[in-house]
């Protein structure tokens, strides 16, 4: 029987609170302590910060709505945010 291995996705020193994926193969991760929201287009090898436009960088949840390509982000201290362009703007 083969072995299963876990590999790091290069989001070190961030308290990740939620992950989500979209219909295009992108992965999103969010976190506390000023982490914000990140997107990977290459299965977690590289990440870009999507936090521009968010008042709070303490994000605890993400939800992707596939029929409309909408991404929602819930923060701890400034409410709910909506992006209609997969996190480019909020």
PDB file of N, CA and C in Angstrom:
ATOM      1  N   UNK A   1       0.848  -1.172   0.000  1.00  0.00           N
ATOM      2  CA  UNK A   1       0.000   0.000   0.000  1.00  0.00           C
ATOM      3  C   UNK A   1       0.896   1.238   0.000  1.00  0.00           C
ATOM      4  N   UNK A   2       0.616   2.198  -0.844  1.00  0.00           N
ATOM      5  CA  UNK A   2       1.408   3.426  -0.953  1.00  0.00           C
ATOM      6  C   UNK A   2       1.218   4.351   0.231  1.00  0.00           C
ATOM      7  N   UNK A   3       2.129   5.305   0.340  1.00  0.00           N
ATOM      8  CA  UNK A   3       2.046   6.295   1.408  1.00  0.00           C
ATOM      9  C   UNK A   3       1.456   7.586   0.873  1.00  0.00           C
ATOM     10  N   UNK A   4       0.722   8.266   1.736  1.00  0.00           N
ATOM     11  CA  UNK A   4       0.195   9.585   1.405  1.00  0.00           C
ATOM     12  C   UNK A   4       1.046  10.624   2.102  1.00  0.00           C
ATOM     13  N   UNK A   5       1.337  11.716   1.416  1.00  0.00           N
ATOM     14  CA  UNK A   5       2.162  12.771   1.978  1.00  0.00           C
ATOM     15  C   UNK A   5       1.443  14.102   1.874  1.00  0.00           C
ATOM     16  N   UNK A   6       1.679  14.953   2.852  1.00  0.00           N
ATOM     17  CA  UNK A   6       1.212  16.330   2.830  1.00  0.00           C
ATOM     18  C   UNK A   6       2.395  17.207   2.477  1.00  0.00           C
ATOM     19  N   UNK A   7       2.170  18.214   1.650  1.00  0.00           N
ATOM     20  CA  UNK A   7       3.223  19.174   1.329  1.00  0.00           C
ATOM     21  C   UNK A   7       2.742  20.577   1.666  1.00  0.00           C
ATOM     22  N   UNK A   8       3.686  21.423   2.020  1.00  0.00           N
ATOM     23  CA  UNK A   8       3.362  22.804   2.364  1.00  0.00           C
ATOM     24  C   UNK A   8       2.900  23.561   1.124  1.00  0.00           C
ATOM     25  N   UNK A   9       1.966  24.476   1.314  1.00  0.00           N
ATOM     26  CA  UNK A   9       1.475  25.313   0.216  1.00  0.00           C
ATOM     27  C   UNK A   9       2.021  26.730   0.303  1.00  0.00           C
ATOM     28  N   UNK A  10       3.117  26.906   1.005  1.00  0.00           N
ATOM     29  CA  UNK A  10       3.875  28.165   1.006  1.00  0.00           C
ATOM     30  C   UNK A  10       3.124  29.372   1.554  1.00  0.00           C
ATOM     31  N   UNK A  11       2.203  29.165   2.463  1.00  0.00           N
ATOM     32  CA  UNK A  11       1.579  30.274   3.194  1.00  0.00           C
ATOM     33  C   UNK A  11       2.005  30.145   4.653  1.00  0.00           C
ATOM     34  N   UNK A  12       3.268  30.372   4.893  1.00  0.00           N
ATOM     35  CA  UNK A  12       3.844  30.191   6.219  1.00  0.00           C
ATOM     36  C   UNK A  12       3.552  31.382   7.123  1.00  0.00           C
ATOM     37  N   UNK A  13       3.529  31.124   8.425  1.00  0.00           N
ATOM     38  CA  UNK A  13       3.343  32.146   9.456  1.00  0.00           C
ATOM     39  C   UNK A  13       2.012  32.891   9.323  1.00  0.00           C
ATOM     40  N   UNK A  14       1.013  32.233   8.794  1.00  0.00           N
ATOM     41  CA  UNK A  14      -0.325  32.815   8.671  1.00  0.00           C
ATOM     42  C   UNK A  14      -1.317  31.856   9.320  1.00  0.00           C
ATOM     43  N   UNK A  15      -2.183  32.401  10.147  1.00  0.00           N
ATOM     44  CA  UNK A  15      -3.224  31.598  10.774  1.00  0.00           C
ATOM     45  C   UNK A  15      -4.385  31.463   9.785  1.00  0.00           C
ATOM     46  N   UNK A  16      -4.401  30.376   9.032  1.00  0.00           N
ATOM     47  CA  UNK A  16      -5.419  30.146   8.007  1.00  0.00           C
ATOM     48  C   UNK A  16      -6.726  29.725   8.682  1.00  0.00           C
ATOM     49  N   UNK A  17      -7.810  30.400   8.312  1.00  0.00           N
ATOM     50  CA  UNK A  17      -9.109  30.097   8.904  1.00  0.00           C
ATOM     51  C   UNK A  17     -10.082  29.438   7.930  1.00  0.00           C
ATOM     52  N   UNK A  18      -9.849  29.586   6.619  1.00  0.00           N
ATOM     53  CA  UNK A  18     -10.768  28.989   5.653  1.00  0.00           C
ATOM     54  C   UNK A  18     -10.079  28.890   4.299  1.00  0.00           C
ATOM     55  N   UNK A  19     -10.490  27.911   3.508  1.00  0.00           N
ATOM     56  CA  UNK A  19     -10.033  27.792   2.125  1.00  0.00           C
ATOM     57  C   UNK A  19     -11.252  27.561   1.244  1.00  0.00           C
ATOM     58  N   UNK A  20     -11.124  27.943  -0.019  1.00  0.00           N
ATOM     59  CA  UNK A  20     -12.223  27.807  -0.979  1.00  0.00           C
ATOM     60  C   UNK A  20     -11.600  27.670  -2.361  1.00  0.00           C
ATOM     61  N   UNK A  21     -12.319  27.071  -3.288  1.00  0.00           N
ATOM     62  CA  UNK A  21     -11.855  26.989  -4.675  1.00  0.00           C
ATOM     63  C   UNK A  21     -12.969  27.477  -5.591  1.00  0.00           C
ATOM     64  N   UNK A  22     -12.584  27.835  -6.825  1.00  0.00           N
ATOM     65  CA  UNK A  22     -13.585  28.280  -7.791  1.00  0.00           C
ATOM     66  C   UNK A  22     -13.612  27.348  -8.992  1.00  0.00           C
ATOM     67  N   UNK A  23     -14.459  27.647  -9.948  1.00  0.00           N
ATOM     68  CA  UNK A  23     -14.624  26.797 -11.130  1.00  0.00           C
ATOM     69  C   UNK A  23     -13.446  26.862 -12.093  1.00  0.00           C
ATOM     70  N   UNK A  24     -12.506  27.766 -11.852  1.00  0.00           N
ATOM     71  CA  UNK A  24     -11.370  27.962 -12.749  1.00  0.00           C
ATOM     72  C   UNK A  24     -10.094  27.324 -12.214  1.00  0.00           C
ATOM     73  N   UNK A  25     -10.183  26.611 -11.105  1.00  0.00           N
ATOM     74  CA  UNK A  25      -9.021  25.958 -10.519  1.00  0.00           C
ATOM     75  C   UNK A  25      -8.231  26.821  -9.556  1.00  0.00           C
ATOM     76  N   UNK A  26      -8.709  28.018  -9.270  1.00  0.00           N
ATOM     77  CA  UNK A  26      -8.042  28.878  -8.296  1.00  0.00           C
ATOM     78  C   UNK A  26      -8.367  28.402  -6.888  1.00  0.00           C
ATOM     79  N   UNK A  27      -7.419  28.594  -5.978  1.00  0.00           N
ATOM     80  CA  UNK A  27      -7.611  28.292  -4.568  1.00  0.00           C
ATOM     81  C   UNK A  27      -7.497  29.596  -3.800  1.00  0.00           C
ATOM     82  N   UNK A  28      -8.389  29.790  -2.835  1.00  0.00           N
ATOM     83  CA  UNK A  28      -8.376  30.984  -1.992  1.00  0.00           C
ATOM     84  C   UNK A  28      -8.142  30.554  -0.553  1.00  0.00           C
ATOM     85  N   UNK A  29      -7.376  31.346   0.180  1.00  0.00           N
ATOM     86  CA  UNK A  29      -7.156  31.109   1.605  1.00  0.00           C
ATOM     87  C   UNK A  29      -7.278  32.437   2.329  1.00  0.00           C
ATOM     88  N   UNK A  30      -7.813  32.388   3.529  1.00  0.00           N
ATOM     89  CA  UNK A  30      -7.927  33.608   4.327  1.00  0.00           C
ATOM     90  C   UNK A  30      -7.459  33.325   5.742  1.00  0.00           C
ATOM     91  N   UNK A  31      -7.185  34.422   6.478  1.00  0.00           N
ATOM     92  CA  UNK A  31      -6.714  34.218   7.833  1.00  0.00           C
ATOM     93  C   UNK A  31      -6.816  35.432   8.724  1.00  0.00           C
ATOM     94  N   UNK A  32      -6.512  35.194  10.000  1.00  0.00           N
ATOM     95  CA  UNK A  32      -6.523  36.221  11.047  1.00  0.00           C
ATOM     96  C   UNK A  32      -5.165  36.901  11.151  1.00  0.00           C
ATOM     97  N   UNK A  33      -5.087  37.782  12.121  1.00  0.00           N
ATOM     98  CA  UNK A  33      -3.848  38.474  12.491  1.00  0.00           C
ATOM     99  C   UNK A  33      -3.270  39.245  11.318  1.00  0.00           C
ATOM    100  N   UNK A  34      -4.136  39.885  10.559  1.00  0.00           N
ATOM    101  CA  UNK A  34      -3.682  40.701   9.443  1.00  0.00           C
ATOM    102  C   UNK A  34      -3.333  39.931   8.190  1.00  0.00           C
ATOM    103  N   UNK A  35      -3.725  38.672   8.127  1.00  0.00           N
ATOM    104  CA  UNK A  35      -3.359  37.844   6.976  1.00  0.00           C
ATOM    105  C   UNK A  35      -4.100  38.252   5.709  1.00  0.00           C
ATOM    106  N   UNK A  36      -5.410  38.492   5.801  1.00  0.00           N
ATOM    107  CA  UNK A  36      -6.191  38.866   4.630  1.00  0.00           C
ATOM    108  C   UNK A  36      -6.609  37.674   3.802  1.00  0.00           C
ATOM    109  N   UNK A  37      -6.630  37.863   2.475  1.00  0.00           N
ATOM    110  CA  UNK A  37      -7.075  36.838   1.534  1.00  0.00           C
ATOM    111  C   UNK A  37      -5.998  36.649   0.474  1.00  0.00           C
ATOM    112  N   UNK A  38      -5.753  35.394   0.124  1.00  0.00           N
ATOM    113  CA  UNK A  38      -4.757  35.056  -0.886  1.00  0.00           C
ATOM    114  C   UNK A  38      -5.386  34.152  -1.936  1.00  0.00           C
ATOM    115  N   UNK A  39      -4.838  34.230  -3.174  1.00  0.00           N
ATOM    116  CA  UNK A  39      -5.298  33.355  -4.260  1.00  0.00           C
ATOM    117  C   UNK A  39      -4.096  32.683  -4.902  1.00  0.00           C
ATOM    118  N   UNK A  40      -4.262  31.406  -5.206  1.00  0.00           N
ATOM    119  CA  UNK A  40      -3.254  30.658  -5.944  1.00  0.00           C
ATOM    120  C   UNK A  40      -3.875  30.172  -7.248  1.00  0.00           C
ATOM    121  N   UNK A  41      -3.158  30.361  -8.334  1.00  0.00           N
ATOM    122  CA  UNK A  41      -3.613  29.878  -9.640  1.00  0.00           C
ATOM    123  C   UNK A  41      -2.829  28.649 -10.091  1.00  0.00           C
ATOM    124  N   UNK A  42      -1.914  28.169  -9.215  1.00  0.00           N
ATOM    125  CA  UNK A  42      -1.046  27.048  -9.581  1.00  0.00           C
ATOM    126  C   UNK A  42      -1.011  25.967  -8.499  1.00  0.00           C
ATOM    127  N   UNK A  43      -2.164  25.643  -7.971  1.00  0.00           N
ATOM    128  CA  UNK A  43      -2.351  24.568  -6.992  1.00  0.00           C
ATOM    129  C   UNK A  43      -1.557  24.786  -5.707  1.00  0.00           C
ATOM    130  N   UNK A  44      -1.415  26.037  -5.290  1.00  0.00           N
ATOM    131  CA  UNK A  44      -0.788  26.348  -4.018  1.00  0.00           C
ATOM    132  C   UNK A  44       0.703  26.592  -4.045  1.00  0.00           C
ATOM    133  N   UNK A  45       1.312  26.591  -5.218  1.00  0.00           N
ATOM    134  CA  UNK A  45       2.753  26.854  -5.281  1.00  0.00           C
ATOM    135  C   UNK A  45       3.069  28.319  -5.008  1.00  0.00           C
ATOM    136  N   UNK A  46       2.275  29.216  -5.549  1.00  0.00           N
ATOM    137  CA  UNK A  46       2.475  30.654  -5.372  1.00  0.00           C
ATOM    138  C   UNK A  46       1.145  31.295  -5.003  1.00  0.00           C
ATOM    139  N   UNK A  47       1.221  32.396  -4.230  1.00  0.00           N
ATOM    140  CA  UNK A  47       0.028  33.074  -3.742  1.00  0.00           C
ATOM    141  C   UNK A  47       0.155  34.566  -3.954  1.00  0.00           C
ATOM    142  N   UNK A  48      -0.976  35.212  -4.281  1.00  0.00           N
ATOM    143  CA  UNK A  48      -1.007  36.675  -4.339  1.00  0.00           C
ATOM    144  C   UNK A  48      -2.021  37.169  -3.307  1.00  0.00           C
ATOM    145  N   UNK A  49      -1.718  38.307  -2.702  1.00  0.00           N
ATOM    146  CA  UNK A  49      -2.583  38.891  -1.686  1.00  0.00           C
ATOM    147  C   UNK A  49      -3.711  39.650  -2.369  1.00  0.00           C
ATOM    148  N   UNK A  50      -4.937  39.355  -1.965  1.00  0.00           N
ATOM    149  CA  UNK A  50      -6.121  40.004  -2.527  1.00  0.00           C
ATOM    150  C   UNK A  50      -6.756  40.970  -1.538  1.00  0.00           C
ATOM    151  N   UNK A  51      -6.013  41.402  -0.552  1.00  0.00           N
ATOM    152  CA  UNK A  51      -6.576  42.208   0.518  1.00  0.00           C
ATOM    153  C   UNK A  51      -6.836  43.655   0.187  1.00  0.00           C
ATOM    154  N   UNK A  52      -6.408  44.119  -0.966  1.00  0.00           N
ATOM    155  CA  UNK A  52      -6.620  45.519  -1.319  1.00  0.00           C
ATOM    156  C   UNK A  52      -8.116  45.815  -1.372  1.00  0.00           C
ATOM    157  N   UNK A  53      -8.520  46.840  -0.675  1.00  0.00           N
ATOM    158  CA  UNK A  53      -9.928  47.207  -0.649  1.00  0.00           C
ATOM    159  C   UNK A  53     -10.683  46.707   0.565  1.00  0.00           C
ATOM    160  N   UNK A  54     -10.059  45.835   1.346  1.00  0.00           N
ATOM    161  CA  UNK A  54     -10.681  45.364   2.581  1.00  0.00           C
ATOM    162  C   UNK A  54     -10.263  46.275   3.728  1.00  0.00           C
ATOM    163  N   UNK A  55     -11.219  46.735   4.515  1.00  0.00           N
ATOM    164  CA  UNK A  55     -10.884  47.535   5.691  1.00  0.00           C
ATOM    165  C   UNK A  55     -10.205  46.656   6.731  1.00  0.00           C
ATOM    166  N   UNK A  56     -10.703  45.446   6.912  1.00  0.00           N
ATOM    167  CA  UNK A  56     -10.139  44.503   7.874  1.00  0.00           C
ATOM    168  C   UNK A  56      -9.365  43.416   7.143  1.00  0.00           C
ATOM    169  N   UNK A  57      -8.194  43.075   7.660  1.00  0.00           N
ATOM    170  CA  UNK A  57      -7.425  41.954   7.125  1.00  0.00           C
ATOM    171  C   UNK A  57      -7.612  40.702   7.981  1.00  0.00           C
ATOM    172  N   UNK A  58      -8.562  40.747   8.915  1.00  0.00           N
ATOM    173  CA  UNK A  58      -8.876  39.597   9.762  1.00  0.00           C
ATOM    174  C   UNK A  58     -10.091  38.883   9.182  1.00  0.00           C
ATOM    175  N   UNK A  59      -9.843  37.981   8.254  1.00  0.00           N
ATOM    176  CA  UNK A  59     -10.904  37.311   7.501  1.00  0.00           C
ATOM    177  C   UNK A  59     -11.063  35.886   8.032  1.00  0.00           C
ATOM    178  N   UNK A  60     -12.289  35.520   8.395  1.00  0.00           N
ATOM    179  CA  UNK A  60     -12.492  34.189   8.967  1.00  0.00           C
ATOM    180  C   UNK A  60     -13.236  33.231   8.056  1.00  0.00           C
ATOM    181  N   UNK A  61     -13.875  33.717   6.982  1.00  0.00           N
ATOM    182  CA  UNK A  61     -14.588  32.789   6.110  1.00  0.00           C
ATOM    183  C   UNK A  61     -14.655  33.306   4.681  1.00  0.00           C
ATOM    184  N   UNK A  62     -14.704  32.349   3.752  1.00  0.00           N
ATOM    185  CA  UNK A  62     -14.839  32.633   2.322  1.00  0.00           C
ATOM    186  C   UNK A  62     -15.931  31.738   1.750  1.00  0.00           C
ATOM    187  N   UNK A  63     -16.650  32.258   0.775  1.00  0.00           N
ATOM    188  CA  UNK A  63     -17.643  31.446   0.067  1.00  0.00           C
ATOM    189  C   UNK A  63     -17.666  31.864  -1.391  1.00  0.00           C
ATOM    190  N   UNK A  64     -17.483  30.912  -2.286  1.00  0.00           N
ATOM    191  CA  UNK A  64     -17.537  31.149  -3.725  1.00  0.00           C
ATOM    192  C   UNK A  64     -18.902  30.706  -4.242  1.00  0.00           C
ATOM    193  N   UNK A  65     -19.575  31.580  -4.981  1.00  0.00           N
ATOM    194  CA  UNK A  65     -20.865  31.264  -5.599  1.00  0.00           C
ATOM    195  C   UNK A  65     -20.605  31.017  -7.081  1.00  0.00           C
ATOM    196  N   UNK A  66     -20.621  29.748  -7.496  1.00  0.00           N
ATOM    197  CA  UNK A  66     -20.160  29.403  -8.838  1.00  0.00           C
ATOM    198  C   UNK A  66     -21.068  29.870  -9.959  1.00  0.00           C
ATOM    199  N   UNK A  67     -22.356  30.003  -9.740  1.00  0.00           N
ATOM    200  CA  UNK A  67     -23.240  30.438 -10.822  1.00  0.00           C
ATOM    201  C   UNK A  67     -23.007  31.890 -11.226  1.00  0.00           C
ATOM    202  N   UNK A  68     -22.427  32.673 -10.314  1.00  0.00           N
ATOM    203  CA  UNK A  68     -22.271  34.103 -10.563  1.00  0.00           C
ATOM    204  C   UNK A  68     -20.828  34.588 -10.464  1.00  0.00           C
ATOM    205  N   UNK A  69     -19.879  33.671 -10.194  1.00  0.00           N
ATOM    206  CA  UNK A  69     -18.468  34.038 -10.005  1.00  0.00           C
ATOM    207  C   UNK A  69     -18.300  35.120  -8.949  1.00  0.00           C
ATOM    208  N   UNK A  70     -19.009  34.967  -7.851  1.00  0.00           N
ATOM    209  CA  UNK A  70     -18.942  35.917  -6.743  1.00  0.00           C
ATOM    210  C   UNK A  70     -18.210  35.262  -5.579  1.00  0.00           C
ATOM    211  N   UNK A  71     -17.359  36.041  -4.934  1.00  0.00           N
ATOM    212  CA  UNK A  71     -16.639  35.587  -3.754  1.00  0.00           C
ATOM    213  C   UNK A  71     -17.034  36.475  -2.581  1.00  0.00           C
ATOM    214  N   UNK A  72     -17.458  35.854  -1.488  1.00  0.00           N
ATOM    215  CA  UNK A  72     -17.803  36.579  -0.267  1.00  0.00           C
ATOM    216  C   UNK A  72     -16.723  36.331   0.772  1.00  0.00           C
ATOM    217  N   UNK A  73     -16.435  37.354   1.575  1.00  0.00           N
ATOM    218  CA  UNK A  73     -15.461  37.237   2.656  1.00  0.00           C
ATOM    219  C   UNK A  73     -16.057  37.812   3.931  1.00  0.00           C
ATOM    220  N   UNK A  74     -16.038  37.026   4.993  1.00  0.00           N
ATOM    221  CA  UNK A  74     -16.516  37.478   6.293  1.00  0.00           C
ATOM    222  C   UNK A  74     -15.345  37.872   7.171  1.00  0.00           C
ATOM    223  N   UNK A  75     -15.398  39.074   7.741  1.00  0.00           N
ATOM    224  CA  UNK A  75     -14.313  39.553   8.597  1.00  0.00           C
ATOM    225  C   UNK A  75     -14.763  39.588  10.052  1.00  0.00           C
ATOM    226  N   UNK A  76     -13.788  39.687  10.943  1.00  0.00           N
ATOM    227  CA  UNK A  76     -14.101  39.700  12.371  1.00  0.00           C
ATOM    228  C   UNK A  76     -14.564  41.057  12.851  1.00  0.00           C
ATOM    229  N   UNK A  77     -14.178  42.127  12.160  1.00  0.00           N
ATOM    230  CA  UNK A  77     -14.445  43.452  12.713  1.00  0.00           C
ATOM    231  C   UNK A  77     -14.978  44.486  11.729  1.00  0.00           C
ATOM    232  N   UNK A  78     -15.213  44.112  10.478  1.00  0.00           N
ATOM    233  CA  UNK A  78     -15.797  45.096   9.554  1.00  0.00           C
ATOM    234  C   UNK A  78     -16.833  44.490   8.613  1.00  0.00           C
ATOM    235  N   UNK A  79     -17.413  43.373   9.007  1.00  0.00           N
ATOM    236  CA  UNK A  79     -18.543  42.838   8.277  1.00  0.00           C
ATOM    237  C   UNK A  79     -18.226  41.935   7.102  1.00  0.00           C
ATOM    238  N   UNK A  80     -19.182  41.882   6.188  1.00  0.00           N
ATOM    239  CA  UNK A  80     -19.139  41.004   5.027  1.00  0.00           C
ATOM    240  C   UNK A  80     -18.760  41.796   3.784  1.00  0.00           C
ATOM    241  N   UNK A  81     -17.872  41.219   2.967  1.00  0.00           N
ATOM    242  CA  UNK A  81     -17.444  41.841   1.714  1.00  0.00           C
ATOM    243  C   UNK A  81     -17.845  40.958   0.547  1.00  0.00           C
ATOM    244  N   UNK A  82     -18.013  41.579  -0.623  1.00  0.00           N
ATOM    245  CA  UNK A  82     -18.401  40.873  -1.843  1.00  0.00           C
ATOM    246  C   UNK A  82     -17.474  41.301  -2.971  1.00  0.00           C
ATOM    247  N   UNK A  83     -17.010  40.318  -3.750  1.00  0.00           N
ATOM    248  CA  UNK A  83     -16.204  40.595  -4.933  1.00  0.00           C
ATOM    249  C   UNK A  83     -16.872  39.948  -6.136  1.00  0.00           C
ATOM    250  N   UNK A  84     -17.036  40.707  -7.204  1.00  0.00           N
ATOM    251  CA  UNK A  84     -17.629  40.166  -8.432  1.00  0.00           C
ATOM    252  C   UNK A  84     -16.570  39.872  -9.490  1.00  0.00           C
ATOM    253  N   UNK A  85     -15.286  40.020  -9.110  1.00  0.00           N
ATOM    254  CA  UNK A  85     -14.191  39.750 -10.047  1.00  0.00           C
ATOM    255  C   UNK A  85     -13.130  38.839  -9.421  1.00  0.00           C
ATOM    256  N   UNK A  86     -13.605  37.851  -8.656  1.00  0.00           N
ATOM    257  CA  UNK A  86     -12.754  36.821  -8.044  1.00  0.00           C
ATOM    258  C   UNK A  86     -11.670  37.397  -7.142  1.00  0.00           C
ATOM    259  N   UNK A  87     -12.014  38.446  -6.407  1.00  0.00           N
ATOM    260  CA  UNK A  87     -11.120  38.985  -5.395  1.00  0.00           C
ATOM    261  C   UNK A  87     -10.227  40.125  -5.815  1.00  0.00           C
ATOM    262  N   UNK A  88     -10.317  40.548  -7.065  1.00  0.00           N
ATOM    263  CA  UNK A  88      -9.483  41.672  -7.505  1.00  0.00           C
ATOM    264  C   UNK A  88      -9.897  42.965  -6.811  1.00  0.00           C
ATOM    265  N   UNK A  89     -11.199  43.172  -6.668  1.00  0.00           N
ATOM    266  CA  UNK A  89     -11.719  44.335  -5.943  1.00  0.00           C
ATOM    267  C   UNK A  89     -12.815  43.864  -5.003  1.00  0.00           C
ATOM    268  N   UNK A  90     -13.041  44.636  -3.933  1.00  0.00           N
ATOM    269  CA  UNK A  90     -14.036  44.283  -2.917  1.00  0.00           C
ATOM    270  C   UNK A  90     -14.996  45.426  -2.722  1.00  0.00           C
TER     271      UNK A  90
END
